[in-house]
N, C-alpha and C. Protein backbone atom coordinates (compact mmCIF):
# COMPACT_ATOMS: atom_id res chain seq x y z
N MET A 1 -13.27 34.14 -0.60
CA MET A 1 -12.98 34.05 -2.36
C MET A 1 -14.30 32.95 -2.63
N ASN A 2 -14.61 33.36 -4.23
CA ASN A 2 -15.69 32.60 -4.61
C ASN A 2 -14.81 31.98 -5.79
N THR A 3 -14.30 30.71 -5.54
CA THR A 3 -13.86 29.98 -6.61
C THR A 3 -14.39 28.99 -7.35
N SER A 4 -15.47 28.48 -6.86
CA SER A 4 -16.68 27.62 -7.30
C SER A 4 -16.91 27.35 -8.73
N ASN A 5 -16.55 28.55 -9.59
CA ASN A 5 -16.90 28.72 -10.56
C ASN A 5 -15.80 28.18 -11.62
N LYS A 6 -14.61 27.94 -10.95
CA LYS A 6 -13.32 27.57 -11.57
C LYS A 6 -13.05 26.13 -11.02
N ILE A 7 -14.06 25.57 -10.37
CA ILE A 7 -14.02 24.25 -9.90
C ILE A 7 -14.98 23.38 -10.50
N LEU A 8 -14.64 22.34 -11.75
CA LEU A 8 -15.49 21.66 -12.26
C LEU A 8 -15.57 20.21 -12.56
N SER A 9 -16.96 19.72 -12.42
CA SER A 9 -16.89 18.36 -12.78
C SER A 9 -16.45 17.92 -14.29
N LYS A 10 -15.83 16.74 -14.51
CA LYS A 10 -15.70 16.10 -15.79
C LYS A 10 -16.30 16.69 -16.79
N GLN A 11 -17.64 16.34 -16.70
CA GLN A 11 -18.42 16.84 -18.13
C GLN A 11 -18.54 18.56 -17.94
N GLN A 12 -18.86 19.13 -17.30
CA GLN A 12 -18.63 20.48 -16.97
C GLN A 12 -17.48 21.15 -18.00
N LEU A 13 -16.27 20.39 -17.39
CA LEU A 13 -14.81 21.08 -18.04
C LEU A 13 -15.03 20.68 -19.33
N ILE A 14 -15.39 19.30 -20.01
CA ILE A 14 -15.60 19.06 -20.97
C ILE A 14 -16.15 20.02 -22.21
N ASN A 15 -17.43 20.25 -21.53
CA ASN A 15 -18.47 21.21 -22.23
C ASN A 15 -17.58 22.56 -22.33
N LEU A 16 -17.05 22.92 -21.29
CA LEU A 16 -16.34 24.52 -21.35
C LEU A 16 -15.02 24.40 -22.27
N VAL A 17 -14.33 23.15 -22.30
CA VAL A 17 -13.25 22.97 -23.53
C VAL A 17 -13.70 23.36 -24.59
N GLU A 18 -15.05 22.88 -25.16
CA GLU A 18 -15.69 22.55 -26.29
C GLU A 18 -15.70 24.26 -26.70
N SER A 19 -16.36 25.02 -25.80
CA SER A 19 -16.75 26.32 -26.16
C SER A 19 -15.45 27.10 -26.54
N TRP A 20 -14.22 26.74 -25.64
CA TRP A 20 -13.27 27.14 -25.42
C TRP A 20 -12.37 26.91 -27.19
N ARG A 21 -12.59 26.05 -27.48
CA ARG A 21 -12.25 25.33 -28.77
C ARG A 21 -12.85 26.11 -29.95
N GLU A 22 -13.85 26.00 -30.12
CA GLU A 22 -14.91 26.90 -30.98
C GLU A 22 -14.22 28.51 -30.99
N ASN A 23 -13.88 28.93 -29.60
CA ASN A 23 -13.47 30.52 -29.77
C ASN A 23 -12.00 30.53 -30.33
N GLY A 24 -11.25 29.27 -30.58
CA GLY A 24 -9.96 29.16 -31.13
C GLY A 24 -8.97 29.13 -29.67
N GLU A 25 -9.26 29.31 -28.42
CA GLU A 25 -8.19 29.33 -27.36
C GLU A 25 -6.98 28.11 -27.71
N LYS A 26 -5.94 28.24 -26.88
CA LYS A 26 -5.22 27.24 -27.23
C LYS A 26 -4.96 26.50 -25.65
N ILE A 27 -5.30 25.59 -25.40
CA ILE A 27 -5.67 24.77 -24.36
C ILE A 27 -4.35 24.15 -23.60
N VAL A 28 -4.15 24.44 -22.47
CA VAL A 28 -2.91 23.88 -21.86
C VAL A 28 -3.46 23.12 -20.58
N PHE A 29 -3.04 22.04 -20.16
CA PHE A 29 -3.48 21.06 -19.09
C PHE A 29 -2.29 20.88 -18.37
N THR A 30 -2.13 20.54 -17.16
CA THR A 30 -1.19 20.33 -15.85
C THR A 30 -1.88 19.29 -15.12
N ASN A 31 -1.34 18.67 -14.13
CA ASN A 31 -1.80 18.37 -13.44
C ASN A 31 -1.27 17.81 -11.80
N GLY A 32 -1.31 17.39 -10.68
CA GLY A 32 -0.62 17.26 -9.75
C GLY A 32 -1.44 17.04 -8.61
N CYS A 33 -0.51 16.81 -7.37
CA CYS A 33 -1.38 16.79 -5.93
C CYS A 33 -1.67 18.18 -5.46
N PHE A 34 -0.27 18.97 -5.71
CA PHE A 34 -0.89 20.38 -5.14
C PHE A 34 -1.34 20.15 -3.72
N ASP A 35 -0.66 19.37 -2.77
CA ASP A 35 -1.07 18.97 -1.92
C ASP A 35 -0.53 19.98 -0.54
N ILE A 36 0.68 20.55 -0.32
CA ILE A 36 0.73 22.10 -0.03
C ILE A 36 1.35 23.07 -1.22
N LEU A 37 0.57 23.73 -1.26
CA LEU A 37 0.59 24.80 -2.50
C LEU A 37 2.07 25.75 -1.84
N HIS A 38 2.92 25.67 -2.82
CA HIS A 38 4.27 25.93 -2.54
C HIS A 38 4.75 27.12 -3.57
N TYR A 39 6.06 27.85 -3.67
CA TYR A 39 6.79 28.72 -4.93
C TYR A 39 6.95 27.50 -6.12
N GLY A 40 7.21 26.71 -6.00
CA GLY A 40 7.76 25.75 -7.02
C GLY A 40 6.24 25.47 -7.79
N HIS A 41 5.28 25.19 -7.24
CA HIS A 41 3.84 24.84 -7.80
C HIS A 41 3.46 26.47 -8.56
N LEU A 42 3.55 27.41 -7.64
CA LEU A 42 3.17 28.95 -8.58
C LEU A 42 4.12 28.85 -9.71
N CYS A 43 5.54 28.44 -9.70
CA CYS A 43 6.38 28.91 -10.99
C CYS A 43 6.00 27.63 -12.09
N LEU A 44 5.63 26.82 -11.77
CA LEU A 44 5.10 25.78 -12.96
C LEU A 44 3.81 26.31 -13.35
N LEU A 45 2.74 26.62 -12.73
CA LEU A 45 1.58 27.08 -13.18
C LEU A 45 1.68 28.18 -14.17
N ASN A 46 2.43 29.27 -13.40
CA ASN A 46 2.73 30.82 -14.52
C ASN A 46 3.26 30.21 -15.73
N LYS A 47 4.21 29.19 -15.62
CA LYS A 47 4.91 29.00 -16.87
C LYS A 47 4.12 28.23 -17.94
N SER A 48 3.48 26.91 -17.29
CA SER A 48 2.48 26.60 -17.92
C SER A 48 1.31 27.43 -18.98
N ALA A 49 0.72 28.56 -17.89
CA ALA A 49 -0.14 29.26 -18.32
C ALA A 49 0.52 30.24 -19.64
N ALA A 50 1.59 30.30 -19.85
CA ALA A 50 2.26 31.42 -20.59
C ALA A 50 2.38 30.56 -22.20
N PHE A 51 2.20 29.17 -22.17
CA PHE A 51 2.04 28.25 -23.39
C PHE A 51 0.96 28.33 -24.12
N GLY A 52 -0.16 29.04 -23.40
CA GLY A 52 -1.68 28.91 -24.39
C GLY A 52 -2.59 30.14 -23.58
N THR A 53 -3.96 30.05 -24.09
CA THR A 53 -4.75 30.84 -23.73
C THR A 53 -5.60 30.55 -22.56
N LYS A 54 -5.86 29.31 -22.34
CA LYS A 54 -6.51 28.78 -21.35
C LYS A 54 -5.55 27.52 -20.33
N LEU A 55 -5.88 27.95 -19.01
CA LEU A 55 -5.28 26.40 -17.94
C LEU A 55 -6.04 25.99 -17.35
N ILE A 56 -5.85 24.51 -17.54
CA ILE A 56 -6.58 23.54 -16.98
C ILE A 56 -5.65 23.02 -15.65
N VAL A 57 -6.30 22.67 -14.73
CA VAL A 57 -5.44 22.17 -13.59
C VAL A 57 -5.97 20.87 -12.98
N ALA A 58 -5.70 19.51 -13.61
CA ALA A 58 -6.34 18.45 -12.74
C ALA A 58 -5.57 18.20 -11.52
N ILE A 59 -6.55 17.82 -10.38
CA ILE A 59 -5.92 17.68 -9.21
C ILE A 59 -6.41 16.21 -8.82
N ASN A 60 -5.36 15.30 -8.14
CA ASN A 60 -5.39 14.25 -7.58
C ASN A 60 -6.37 14.34 -6.57
N SER A 61 -7.60 12.99 -6.51
CA SER A 61 -8.44 13.14 -5.54
C SER A 61 -7.58 12.57 -4.21
N ASP A 62 -8.07 12.58 -2.99
CA ASP A 62 -7.75 12.05 -1.90
C ASP A 62 -6.90 10.79 -1.91
N SER A 63 -7.84 9.94 -2.77
CA SER A 63 -7.63 8.61 -2.37
C SER A 63 -6.59 8.18 -3.47
N SER A 64 -6.55 8.98 -4.59
CA SER A 64 -5.20 8.88 -5.41
C SER A 64 -3.97 9.40 -4.85
N VAL A 65 -4.09 10.25 -4.11
CA VAL A 65 -2.76 10.98 -3.65
C VAL A 65 -2.50 10.02 -2.41
N LYS A 66 -3.04 9.09 -1.64
CA LYS A 66 -2.97 8.11 -0.68
C LYS A 66 -2.18 7.15 -1.62
N LYS A 67 -2.88 6.88 -2.70
CA LYS A 67 -2.34 6.00 -3.67
C LYS A 67 -0.86 6.21 -3.94
N LEU A 68 -0.38 7.35 -4.18
CA LEU A 68 1.10 7.60 -4.78
C LEU A 68 1.89 8.12 -3.59
N LYS A 69 1.29 8.88 -2.69
CA LYS A 69 2.17 9.45 -1.56
C LYS A 69 2.23 8.84 -0.27
N GLY A 70 1.36 7.73 0.30
CA GLY A 70 1.16 6.76 1.25
C GLY A 70 -0.20 7.56 2.33
N GLU A 71 -0.30 6.65 3.46
CA GLU A 71 -1.56 6.81 4.09
C GLU A 71 -1.67 8.27 4.97
N ASN A 72 -0.33 8.80 4.83
CA ASN A 72 -0.36 10.10 5.88
C ASN A 72 -0.57 11.18 4.87
N ARG A 73 -1.10 11.16 3.54
CA ARG A 73 -1.38 12.28 2.54
C ARG A 73 -2.25 11.94 2.32
N PRO A 74 -3.36 12.83 1.30
CA PRO A 74 -2.42 14.30 1.45
C PRO A 74 -3.15 15.22 2.89
N ILE A 75 -2.46 16.35 3.17
CA ILE A 75 -2.11 17.12 4.00
C ILE A 75 -3.66 17.86 4.03
N ASN A 76 -3.95 18.51 2.67
CA ASN A 76 -5.21 19.26 2.69
C ASN A 76 -5.74 18.16 1.63
N ASN A 77 -7.00 18.36 2.03
CA ASN A 77 -8.58 17.84 1.16
C ASN A 77 -8.42 18.24 -0.16
N GLU A 78 -8.91 17.58 -1.11
CA GLU A 78 -8.95 17.51 -2.54
C GLU A 78 -9.98 18.99 -2.72
N LEU A 79 -11.13 19.29 -1.86
CA LEU A 79 -11.71 20.51 -1.94
C LEU A 79 -11.19 21.34 -2.14
N HIS A 80 -10.01 21.52 -0.67
CA HIS A 80 -9.16 22.96 -0.26
C HIS A 80 -8.24 22.88 -1.13
N ARG A 81 -7.62 22.16 -1.81
CA ARG A 81 -6.64 22.01 -3.15
C ARG A 81 -6.88 22.58 -4.02
N ALA A 82 -8.29 22.18 -4.49
CA ALA A 82 -8.49 22.72 -5.92
C ALA A 82 -9.32 23.96 -5.61
N ALA A 83 -9.46 24.37 -4.27
CA ALA A 83 -9.93 25.77 -3.92
C ALA A 83 -8.62 27.08 -4.12
N LEU A 84 -7.77 26.30 -3.53
CA LEU A 84 -6.45 27.07 -3.55
C LEU A 84 -5.93 27.03 -5.23
N ILE A 85 -5.92 26.23 -5.95
CA ILE A 85 -5.54 26.37 -7.33
C ILE A 85 -6.42 27.04 -8.07
N ALA A 86 -7.79 27.20 -7.98
CA ALA A 86 -8.73 27.96 -8.93
C ALA A 86 -8.76 29.35 -8.33
N ALA A 87 -8.18 29.73 -6.89
CA ALA A 87 -7.97 30.95 -6.83
C ALA A 87 -7.08 31.60 -7.51
N LEU A 88 -5.88 30.86 -7.93
CA LEU A 88 -5.00 31.41 -8.77
C LEU A 88 -5.48 31.97 -10.26
N GLU A 89 -4.68 33.50 -10.48
CA GLU A 89 -5.40 34.26 -11.61
C GLU A 89 -4.96 33.64 -12.94
N VAL A 90 -4.00 32.77 -13.15
CA VAL A 90 -3.45 32.14 -14.17
C VAL A 90 -4.54 31.09 -14.79
N VAL A 91 -5.04 30.31 -13.53
CA VAL A 91 -5.66 28.89 -13.73
C VAL A 91 -7.35 29.48 -14.08
N ASN A 92 -7.62 28.57 -15.60
CA ASN A 92 -9.01 29.00 -15.82
C ASN A 92 -10.08 28.05 -15.18
N ALA A 93 -9.78 26.63 -15.23
CA ALA A 93 -10.62 25.50 -14.41
C ALA A 93 -9.74 24.60 -13.74
N THR A 94 -10.26 24.28 -12.96
CA THR A 94 -9.93 23.09 -12.38
C THR A 94 -10.74 21.82 -12.31
N VAL A 95 -10.28 20.72 -11.74
CA VAL A 95 -11.10 19.49 -11.98
C VAL A 95 -10.23 18.50 -10.94
N VAL A 96 -10.92 17.56 -10.44
CA VAL A 96 -10.65 16.63 -9.34
C VAL A 96 -10.78 15.21 -10.01
N PHE A 97 -9.54 14.63 -9.96
CA PHE A 97 -9.61 13.36 -10.66
C PHE A 97 -9.58 12.11 -9.71
N GLU A 98 -9.95 10.87 -10.07
CA GLU A 98 -10.04 9.53 -9.02
C GLU A 98 -9.10 8.99 -9.38
N GLU A 99 -8.37 8.67 -10.92
CA GLU A 99 -7.66 7.86 -11.43
C GLU A 99 -6.30 8.04 -10.59
N GLU A 100 -5.57 7.17 -10.59
CA GLU A 100 -4.07 7.39 -10.31
C GLU A 100 -3.26 8.20 -11.33
N THR A 101 -3.90 8.15 -12.55
CA THR A 101 -3.33 9.10 -13.86
C THR A 101 -4.38 9.84 -14.57
N PRO A 102 -4.08 10.89 -15.16
CA PRO A 102 -5.09 11.98 -16.01
C PRO A 102 -5.19 11.28 -17.20
N ALA A 103 -4.63 10.15 -17.49
CA ALA A 103 -4.62 9.72 -19.03
C ALA A 103 -5.90 9.80 -19.59
N ALA A 104 -6.97 9.00 -19.03
CA ALA A 104 -8.61 8.85 -19.29
C ALA A 104 -8.98 10.54 -19.91
N LEU A 105 -8.69 11.50 -18.92
CA LEU A 105 -8.87 13.11 -18.78
C LEU A 105 -8.35 13.53 -20.03
N ILE A 106 -7.30 13.39 -20.10
CA ILE A 106 -6.40 13.99 -21.45
C ILE A 106 -7.22 13.84 -22.75
N SER A 107 -7.43 12.36 -22.49
CA SER A 107 -7.74 12.15 -24.26
C SER A 107 -9.42 12.45 -24.26
N GLU A 108 -9.93 12.91 -23.15
CA GLU A 108 -11.42 13.34 -23.58
C GLU A 108 -11.43 14.98 -23.57
N ILE A 109 -10.26 15.66 -23.22
CA ILE A 109 -9.95 17.18 -23.06
C ILE A 109 -9.37 17.40 -24.57
N LYS A 110 -8.40 16.65 -24.61
CA LYS A 110 -7.61 16.68 -26.25
C LYS A 110 -6.80 18.28 -25.89
N PRO A 111 -6.04 18.42 -25.10
CA PRO A 111 -5.22 19.87 -24.92
C PRO A 111 -4.44 19.71 -25.91
N ASN A 112 -3.89 21.47 -26.36
CA ASN A 112 -3.07 21.56 -27.16
C ASN A 112 -1.76 21.37 -26.61
N ILE A 113 -1.38 21.87 -25.50
CA ILE A 113 -0.36 21.60 -24.76
C ILE A 113 -0.50 21.02 -23.41
N LEU A 114 0.18 19.63 -23.20
CA LEU A 114 0.58 19.21 -21.78
C LEU A 114 1.87 19.46 -21.05
N VAL A 115 1.31 19.83 -20.01
CA VAL A 115 3.02 20.44 -19.08
C VAL A 115 3.25 19.71 -17.98
N LYS A 116 4.22 19.10 -17.71
CA LYS A 116 4.65 18.33 -16.07
C LYS A 116 5.71 18.68 -15.97
N GLY A 117 6.27 18.82 -14.71
CA GLY A 117 7.20 19.41 -13.93
C GLY A 117 8.55 18.61 -14.57
N GLY A 118 9.68 19.13 -14.16
CA GLY A 118 11.40 18.47 -14.52
C GLY A 118 11.81 16.90 -14.01
N ASP A 119 10.78 16.46 -13.25
CA ASP A 119 10.89 15.51 -12.66
C ASP A 119 10.30 14.24 -13.26
N TYR A 120 9.88 14.55 -14.29
CA TYR A 120 9.47 13.46 -15.22
C TYR A 120 10.29 13.61 -16.75
N THR A 121 10.31 12.31 -17.73
CA THR A 121 10.60 12.62 -18.97
C THR A 121 9.61 12.40 -19.97
N VAL A 122 9.38 12.81 -21.09
CA VAL A 122 8.15 12.51 -21.75
C VAL A 122 7.21 11.25 -21.61
N SER A 123 8.34 10.28 -21.44
CA SER A 123 7.77 8.85 -21.68
C SER A 123 7.22 8.37 -20.48
N GLN A 124 7.32 9.26 -19.29
CA GLN A 124 6.87 8.98 -17.95
C GLN A 124 5.53 9.88 -17.71
N ILE A 125 5.03 10.35 -18.68
CA ILE A 125 3.77 11.61 -18.62
C ILE A 125 2.90 10.93 -19.30
N ALA A 126 1.80 10.71 -18.20
CA ALA A 126 0.48 10.08 -18.77
C ALA A 126 -0.03 11.08 -19.67
N GLY A 127 -0.55 10.23 -20.80
CA GLY A 127 -1.42 11.19 -21.74
C GLY A 127 -0.71 11.96 -22.69
N ALA A 128 0.95 11.69 -22.63
CA ALA A 128 1.73 12.59 -23.49
C ALA A 128 1.66 11.77 -24.79
N ASP A 129 1.39 10.56 -25.26
CA ASP A 129 1.52 9.89 -26.11
C ASP A 129 0.13 10.26 -27.01
N PHE A 130 -0.81 10.36 -26.21
CA PHE A 130 -2.26 10.57 -26.84
C PHE A 130 -2.10 12.34 -27.46
N VAL A 131 -1.32 13.23 -26.63
CA VAL A 131 -1.42 14.78 -26.88
C VAL A 131 -0.39 14.67 -28.38
N LEU A 132 0.73 13.85 -28.35
CA LEU A 132 1.81 13.91 -29.31
C LEU A 132 1.06 13.25 -30.80
N LYS A 133 0.36 12.50 -30.22
CA LYS A 133 -0.42 11.62 -31.58
C LYS A 133 -1.50 12.64 -31.92
N ASN A 134 -2.00 13.56 -31.72
CA ASN A 134 -3.06 14.33 -31.85
C ASN A 134 -2.64 15.56 -32.46
N GLY A 135 -1.20 15.99 -32.75
CA GLY A 135 -0.48 17.04 -32.87
C GLY A 135 -0.56 18.33 -32.20
N GLY A 136 -0.38 17.70 -30.50
CA GLY A 136 0.04 18.50 -29.68
C GLY A 136 1.26 18.52 -29.35
N GLU A 137 1.38 19.41 -28.29
CA GLU A 137 2.83 19.51 -27.63
C GLU A 137 2.91 19.05 -26.12
N VAL A 138 4.09 18.68 -25.79
CA VAL A 138 4.32 18.29 -24.39
C VAL A 138 5.53 18.99 -23.78
N LYS A 139 5.54 19.57 -22.60
CA LYS A 139 6.25 20.53 -22.28
C LYS A 139 6.91 20.03 -20.93
N ILE A 140 8.37 20.19 -20.65
CA ILE A 140 8.60 19.56 -19.11
C ILE A 140 9.39 20.90 -18.84
N ILE A 141 8.79 21.45 -17.68
CA ILE A 141 9.49 22.89 -16.93
C ILE A 141 10.10 22.37 -15.91
N PRO A 142 11.45 23.01 -15.91
CA PRO A 142 12.43 22.70 -14.66
C PRO A 142 11.80 22.66 -13.49
N LEU A 143 12.34 22.08 -12.20
CA LEU A 143 11.59 22.46 -10.91
C LEU A 143 12.85 23.23 -10.16
N GLU A 144 11.90 24.12 -9.48
CA GLU A 144 12.96 24.94 -8.70
C GLU A 144 13.31 24.13 -7.77
N LYS A 145 14.78 24.45 -7.17
CA LYS A 145 15.68 23.25 -6.70
C LYS A 145 14.72 23.53 -5.12
N ASN A 146 15.16 22.25 -4.92
CA ASN A 146 14.90 21.59 -3.33
C ASN A 146 13.31 22.19 -2.63
N LEU A 147 12.36 22.35 -3.97
CA LEU A 147 11.26 22.75 -3.35
C LEU A 147 10.12 21.38 -3.82
N SER A 148 9.43 21.09 -2.79
CA SER A 148 8.65 19.88 -3.23
C SER A 148 7.51 19.84 -1.85
N THR A 149 6.44 19.43 -1.98
CA THR A 149 6.09 19.09 -0.61
C THR A 149 6.18 18.08 0.38
N THR A 150 7.03 17.01 -0.63
CA THR A 150 7.61 15.82 0.29
C THR A 150 8.82 16.50 0.98
N LYS A 151 9.41 17.36 0.45
CA LYS A 151 10.87 17.77 1.36
C LYS A 151 10.34 18.66 2.29
N ILE A 152 9.26 19.60 1.81
CA ILE A 152 8.78 20.41 3.19
C ILE A 152 8.11 19.65 4.35
N LEU A 153 7.89 18.38 3.98
CA LEU A 153 7.04 17.88 5.21
C LEU A 153 8.42 17.04 5.54
N SER A 154 9.53 16.65 4.95
CA SER A 154 10.53 15.96 5.79
C SER A 154 11.03 17.08 6.58
N SER A 155 11.44 18.01 6.19
CA SER A 155 12.37 19.19 6.94
C SER A 155 11.68 19.44 8.37
N LEU A 156 10.35 19.45 8.30
CA LEU A 156 8.99 19.82 9.44
C LEU A 156 9.19 18.32 10.37
N ASN A 157 9.43 17.57 9.99
CA ASN A 157 9.52 16.21 10.68
C ASN A 157 10.84 16.09 11.49
N ARG A 158 12.28 16.91 10.63
CA ARG A 158 13.51 16.66 11.64
C ARG A 158 13.57 17.57 12.53
N LYS A 159 12.38 18.60 12.73
CA LYS A 159 12.45 19.91 13.44
C LYS A 159 11.81 19.27 14.92
């Protein structure tokens, strides 16, 4: 499966977003590690896509996942994680970011809607203040119960 047309550099994404904006698209942005893709991720992405016409998913780089989750993470490398996310029909573009948060990327893309999972509050979401100040919306999607990569890995380690 060729997903390379949906895995973009930051500059490619900025250029694409400009053309989407010119066409009146409503741009939705979410981000995460997406280390082991699971049902909770699919629910988040499907619900996120429903808020607009184009969905961008920013994926933490391997080095940023290590800083956030510890030395034993990520399980899957950034290119594999990006390819899995890009393969989803609801996703229009993916980009890997190196920073600990996507705040700088969000300020360059200027999404109409910023989405995160229910383990965050608006004040904890990187870039939320920028999106709100610029007339956008921030949406929080309730998490699917007991579904996270960390919980999946913990259950495997107990066996």
